[in-house]
Amino acid sequence: MSGTFTQLQIHIVFSVKGRQMLINESIEEKLYKFISGVIKNNGHKLLQINGMPDHVHILISISPNQSISELVKYIKQGSSHMINSSRLIRDKFSWQSGYAAFSCSKSHSSKVINYIKNQKIHHQKKSFLQEYKTFLDENNVIYDTRFI
């Protein structure tokens, strides 16, 4: 076989440092556009992005030419720099270290897209920490509660 053919969808979740509620409506659109640009400029395709004031969900179709950890590093570094240099918030903005990433089959992508679109509805009933633990448990990820 002479070519590389992939269809890899990844659901990525990460939070603001200290889970501070810093992503307000006034910066949300700029932040999401910036993250979308980082994803595109690194050769991936954004399928959906949304979040809450303390965290972000991203579903992407990822190229096999870059690791997930490298992409997330570029997203976090670039977006933190953009928010701070543009002075979009009063305090210094930074993301919490680490992230979660889950594979998503093409057949389930519409369900994940709808989940991400409806973040504000989901979080009327469930906190970010509850949601995060649910994702980890459903995906059989072993974790230490001290580090989430």
C-alpha atoms as a PDB file:
ATOM      1  CA  MET A   1       0.000   0.000   0.000  1.00  0.00           C
ATOM      2  CA  SER A   2       1.517   3.300  -1.046  1.00  0.00           C
ATOM      3  CA  GLY A   3      -0.685   5.759   0.826  1.00  0.00           C
ATOM      4  CA  THR A   4      -1.709   6.532   4.374  1.00  0.00           C
ATOM      5  CA  PHE A   5      -5.447   6.683   4.905  1.00  0.00           C
ATOM      6  CA  THR A   6      -6.943   7.565   8.261  1.00  0.00           C
ATOM      7  CA  GLN A   7     -10.202   8.672   9.819  1.00  0.00           C
ATOM      8  CA  LEU A   8      -9.328   9.631  13.391  1.00  0.00           C
ATOM      9  CA  GLN A   9     -11.704  11.678  15.506  1.00  0.00           C
ATOM     10  CA  ILE A  10     -10.625  12.842  18.939  1.00  0.00           C
ATOM     11  CA  HIS A  11     -12.670  14.518  21.679  1.00  0.00           C
ATOM     12  CA  ILE A  12     -10.355  16.755  23.725  1.00  0.00           C
ATOM     13  CA  VAL A  13     -11.240  18.367  27.052  1.00  0.00           C
ATOM     14  CA  PHE A  14      -9.152  20.735  29.184  1.00  0.00           C
ATOM     15  CA  SER A  15      -9.802  23.343  31.835  1.00  0.00           C
ATOM     16  CA  VAL A  16      -8.754  26.790  32.946  1.00  0.00           C
ATOM     17  CA  LYS A  17      -6.062  26.748  35.626  1.00  0.00           C
ATOM     18  CA  GLY A  18      -7.659  26.296  39.028  1.00  0.00           C
ATOM     19  CA  ARG A  19     -10.957  25.809  37.194  1.00  0.00           C
ATOM     20  CA  GLN A  20     -11.475  29.552  37.368  1.00  0.00           C
ATOM     21  CA  MET A  21     -14.535  30.855  35.521  1.00  0.00           C
ATOM     22  CA  LEU A  22     -12.607  33.055  33.077  1.00  0.00           C
ATOM     23  CA  ILE A  23     -14.051  32.183  29.669  1.00  0.00           C
ATOM     24  CA  ASN A  24     -16.965  34.599  29.604  1.00  0.00           C
ATOM     25  CA  GLU A  25     -19.190  35.407  26.649  1.00  0.00           C
ATOM     26  CA  SER A  26     -17.083  38.451  25.754  1.00  0.00           C
ATOM     27  CA  ILE A  27     -14.006  36.317  24.948  1.00  0.00           C
ATOM     28  CA  GLU A  28     -15.598  32.993  24.031  1.00  0.00           C
ATOM     29  CA  GLU A  29     -15.964  33.675  20.285  1.00  0.00           C
ATOM     30  CA  LYS A  30     -12.414  35.062  19.934  1.00  0.00           C
ATOM     31  CA  LEU A  31     -10.990  32.113  21.872  1.00  0.00           C
ATOM     32  CA  TYR A  32     -12.838  29.517  19.815  1.00  0.00           C
ATOM     33  CA  LYS A  33     -11.847  31.194  16.529  1.00  0.00           C
ATOM     34  CA  PHE A  34      -8.223  31.258  17.654  1.00  0.00           C
ATOM     35  CA  ILE A  35      -8.287  27.573  18.653  1.00  0.00           C
ATOM     36  CA  SER A  36      -9.950  26.734  15.336  1.00  0.00           C
ATOM     37  CA  GLY A  37      -7.094  28.483  13.525  1.00  0.00           C
ATOM     38  CA  VAL A  38      -4.455  26.553  15.465  1.00  0.00           C
ATOM     39  CA  ILE A  39      -6.186  23.279  14.606  1.00  0.00           C
ATOM     40  CA  LYS A  40      -6.449  24.171  10.907  1.00  0.00           C
ATOM     41  CA  ASN A  41      -2.887  25.522  10.699  1.00  0.00           C
ATOM     42  CA  ASN A  42      -1.613  22.225  12.121  1.00  0.00           C
ATOM     43  CA  GLY A  43      -3.376  20.210   9.418  1.00  0.00           C
ATOM     44  CA  HIS A  44      -6.420  19.008  11.338  1.00  0.00           C
ATOM     45  CA  LYS A  45     -10.142  19.668  10.941  1.00  0.00           C
ATOM     46  CA  LEU A  46     -12.320  21.141  13.670  1.00  0.00           C
ATOM     47  CA  LEU A  47     -15.655  19.364  13.923  1.00  0.00           C
ATOM     48  CA  GLN A  48     -17.036  21.150  17.009  1.00  0.00           C
ATOM     49  CA  ILE A  49     -15.893  23.425  19.815  1.00  0.00           C
ATOM     50  CA  ASN A  50     -17.752  24.759  22.844  1.00  0.00           C
ATOM     51  CA  GLY A  51     -17.389  24.913  26.565  1.00  0.00           C
ATOM     52  CA  MET A  52     -18.158  26.618  29.791  1.00  0.00           C
ATOM     53  CA  PRO A  53     -16.433  29.434  31.685  1.00  0.00           C
ATOM     54  CA  ASP A  54     -13.975  26.924  33.214  1.00  0.00           C
ATOM     55  CA  HIS A  55     -13.333  24.411  30.412  1.00  0.00           C
ATOM     56  CA  VAL A  56     -13.391  23.639  26.692  1.00  0.00           C
ATOM     57  CA  HIS A  57     -14.501  20.638  24.609  1.00  0.00           C
ATOM     58  CA  ILE A  58     -13.104  20.142  21.108  1.00  0.00           C
ATOM     59  CA  LEU A  59     -13.911  17.419  18.580  1.00  0.00           C
ATOM     60  CA  ILE A  60     -11.412  17.177  15.741  1.00  0.00           C
ATOM     61  CA  SER A  61     -10.549  14.987  12.834  1.00  0.00           C
ATOM     62  CA  ILE A  62      -6.839  14.639  13.509  1.00  0.00           C
ATOM     63  CA  SER A  63      -4.055  14.027  11.037  1.00  0.00           C
ATOM     64  CA  PRO A  64      -1.624  11.250  11.943  1.00  0.00           C
ATOM     65  CA  ASN A  65       1.263  13.662  11.258  1.00  0.00           C
ATOM     66  CA  GLN A  66       1.134  15.236  14.719  1.00  0.00           C
ATOM     67  CA  SER A  67       0.617  13.878  18.201  1.00  0.00           C
ATOM     68  CA  ILE A  68      -2.397  14.895  20.227  1.00  0.00           C
ATOM     69  CA  SER A  69      -0.152  16.158  23.022  1.00  0.00           C
ATOM     70  CA  GLU A  70       1.775  18.429  20.649  1.00  0.00           C
ATOM     71  CA  LEU A  71      -1.443  19.868  19.204  1.00  0.00           C
ATOM     72  CA  VAL A  72      -2.932  20.486  22.662  1.00  0.00           C
ATOM     73  CA  LYS A  73       0.326  22.175  23.717  1.00  0.00           C
ATOM     74  CA  TYR A  74       0.096  24.559  20.729  1.00  0.00           C
ATOM     75  CA  ILE A  75      -3.589  25.246  21.404  1.00  0.00           C
ATOM     76  CA  LYS A  76      -3.000  26.021  25.073  1.00  0.00           C
ATOM     77  CA  GLN A  77       0.183  28.059  24.625  1.00  0.00           C
ATOM     78  CA  GLY A  78      -1.165  30.065  21.714  1.00  0.00           C
ATOM     79  CA  SER A  79      -4.575  30.775  23.204  1.00  0.00           C
ATOM     80  CA  SER A  80      -3.116  31.776  26.588  1.00  0.00           C
ATOM     81  CA  HIS A  81      -0.731  34.153  24.843  1.00  0.00           C
ATOM     82  CA  MET A  82      -3.543  35.600  22.683  1.00  0.00           C
ATOM     83  CA  ILE A  83      -5.822  36.201  25.686  1.00  0.00           C
ATOM     84  CA  ASN A  84      -3.040  37.753  27.784  1.00  0.00           C
ATOM     85  CA  SER A  85      -1.447  39.882  25.055  1.00  0.00           C
ATOM     86  CA  SER A  86      -4.864  41.163  23.930  1.00  0.00           C
ATOM     87  CA  ARG A  87      -5.806  41.808  27.562  1.00  0.00           C
ATOM     88  CA  LEU A  88      -9.154  40.124  27.087  1.00  0.00           C
ATOM     89  CA  ILE A  89      -9.429  39.538  30.837  1.00  0.00           C
ATOM     90  CA  ARG A  90      -8.044  41.402  33.843  1.00  0.00           C
ATOM     91  CA  ASP A  91      -6.183  38.508  35.429  1.00  0.00           C
ATOM     92  CA  LYS A  92      -3.424  36.406  33.915  1.00  0.00           C
ATOM     93  CA  PHE A  93      -4.977  33.582  31.933  1.00  0.00           C
ATOM     94  CA  SER A  94      -3.562  30.076  31.781  1.00  0.00           C
ATOM     95  CA  TRP A  95      -4.788  26.555  31.252  1.00  0.00           C
ATOM     96  CA  GLN A  96      -4.477  23.788  33.816  1.00  0.00           C
ATOM     97  CA  SER A  97      -1.765  21.289  32.963  1.00  0.00           C
ATOM     98  CA  GLY A  98      -2.977  18.100  31.352  1.00  0.00           C
ATOM     99  CA  TYR A  99      -6.002  17.248  29.279  1.00  0.00           C
ATOM    100  CA  ALA A 100      -8.273  14.353  28.410  1.00  0.00           C
ATOM    101  CA  ALA A 101      -8.557  12.913  24.909  1.00  0.00           C
ATOM    102  CA  PHE A 102     -10.942  10.213  23.800  1.00  0.00           C
ATOM    103  CA  SER A 103     -11.262   8.497  20.444  1.00  0.00           C
ATOM    104  CA  CYS A 104     -14.628   8.849  18.767  1.00  0.00           C
ATOM    105  CA  SER A 105     -15.897   6.606  16.010  1.00  0.00           C
ATOM    106  CA  LYS A 106     -17.427   8.235  12.949  1.00  0.00           C
ATOM    107  CA  SER A 107     -20.740   6.560  13.774  1.00  0.00           C
ATOM    108  CA  HIS A 108     -20.843   8.359  17.153  1.00  0.00           C
ATOM    109  CA  SER A 109     -19.556  11.758  16.022  1.00  0.00           C
ATOM    110  CA  SER A 110     -23.016  13.355  15.696  1.00  0.00           C
ATOM    111  CA  LYS A 111     -23.766  12.377  19.313  1.00  0.00           C
ATOM    112  CA  VAL A 112     -20.477  13.935  20.496  1.00  0.00           C
ATOM    113  CA  ILE A 113     -21.057  17.057  18.385  1.00  0.00           C
ATOM    114  CA  ASN A 114     -24.492  17.523  19.948  1.00  0.00           C
ATOM    115  CA  TYR A 115     -23.049  16.941  23.406  1.00  0.00           C
ATOM    116  CA  ILE A 116     -20.432  19.628  22.833  1.00  0.00           C
ATOM    117  CA  LYS A 117     -22.959  22.061  21.330  1.00  0.00           C
ATOM    118  CA  ASN A 118     -25.216  21.675  24.366  1.00  0.00           C
ATOM    119  CA  GLN A 119     -22.656  22.253  27.102  1.00  0.00           C
ATOM    120  CA  LYS A 120     -24.700  24.895  28.876  1.00  0.00           C
ATOM    121  CA  ILE A 121     -27.663  22.530  29.132  1.00  0.00           C
ATOM    122  CA  HIS A 122     -25.550  19.610  30.415  1.00  0.00           C
ATOM    123  CA  HIS A 123     -23.924  21.744  33.076  1.00  0.00           C
ATOM    124  CA  GLN A 124     -27.222  22.805  34.568  1.00  0.00           C
ATOM    125  CA  LYS A 125     -27.286  19.297  36.059  1.00  0.00           C
ATOM    126  CA  LYS A 126     -23.647  18.256  36.289  1.00  0.00           C
ATOM    127  CA  SER A 127     -20.456  20.063  37.335  1.00  0.00           C
ATOM    128  CA  PHE A 128     -17.297  19.951  35.239  1.00  0.00           C
ATOM    129  CA  LEU A 129     -15.657  17.628  37.771  1.00  0.00           C
ATOM    130  CA  GLN A 130     -18.623  15.231  37.657  1.00  0.00           C
ATOM    131  CA  GLU A 131     -18.603  15.344  33.858  1.00  0.00           C
ATOM    132  CA  TYR A 132     -14.843  14.770  33.683  1.00  0.00           C
ATOM    133  CA  LYS A 133     -14.948  11.785  36.041  1.00  0.00           C
ATOM    134  CA  THR A 134     -17.840  10.328  34.038  1.00  0.00           C
ATOM    135  CA  PHE A 135     -15.807  10.560  30.819  1.00  0.00           C
ATOM    136  CA  LEU A 136     -12.800   8.938  32.467  1.00  0.00           C
ATOM    137  CA  ASP A 137     -14.898   6.153  33.984  1.00  0.00           C
ATOM    138  CA  GLU A 138     -16.864   5.464  30.783  1.00  0.00           C
ATOM    139  CA  ASN A 139     -13.607   5.191  28.851  1.00  0.00           C
ATOM    140  CA  ASN A 140     -11.952   2.964  31.487  1.00  0.00           C
ATOM    141  CA  VAL A 141      -9.209   5.509  32.163  1.00  0.00           C
ATOM    142  CA  ILE A 142      -7.357   4.863  35.409  1.00  0.00           C
ATOM    143  CA  TYR A 143      -6.792   8.106  37.301  1.00  0.00           C
ATOM    144  CA  ASP A 144      -5.807   9.493  40.655  1.00  0.00           C
ATOM    145  CA  THR A 145      -8.431  11.948  41.927  1.00  0.00           C
ATOM    146  CA  ARG A 146      -5.648  14.197  43.235  1.00  0.00           C
ATOM    147  CA  PHE A 147      -4.716  15.027  39.639  1.00  0.00           C
ATOM    148  CA  ILE A 148      -8.063  15.850  38.070  1.00  0.00           C
END
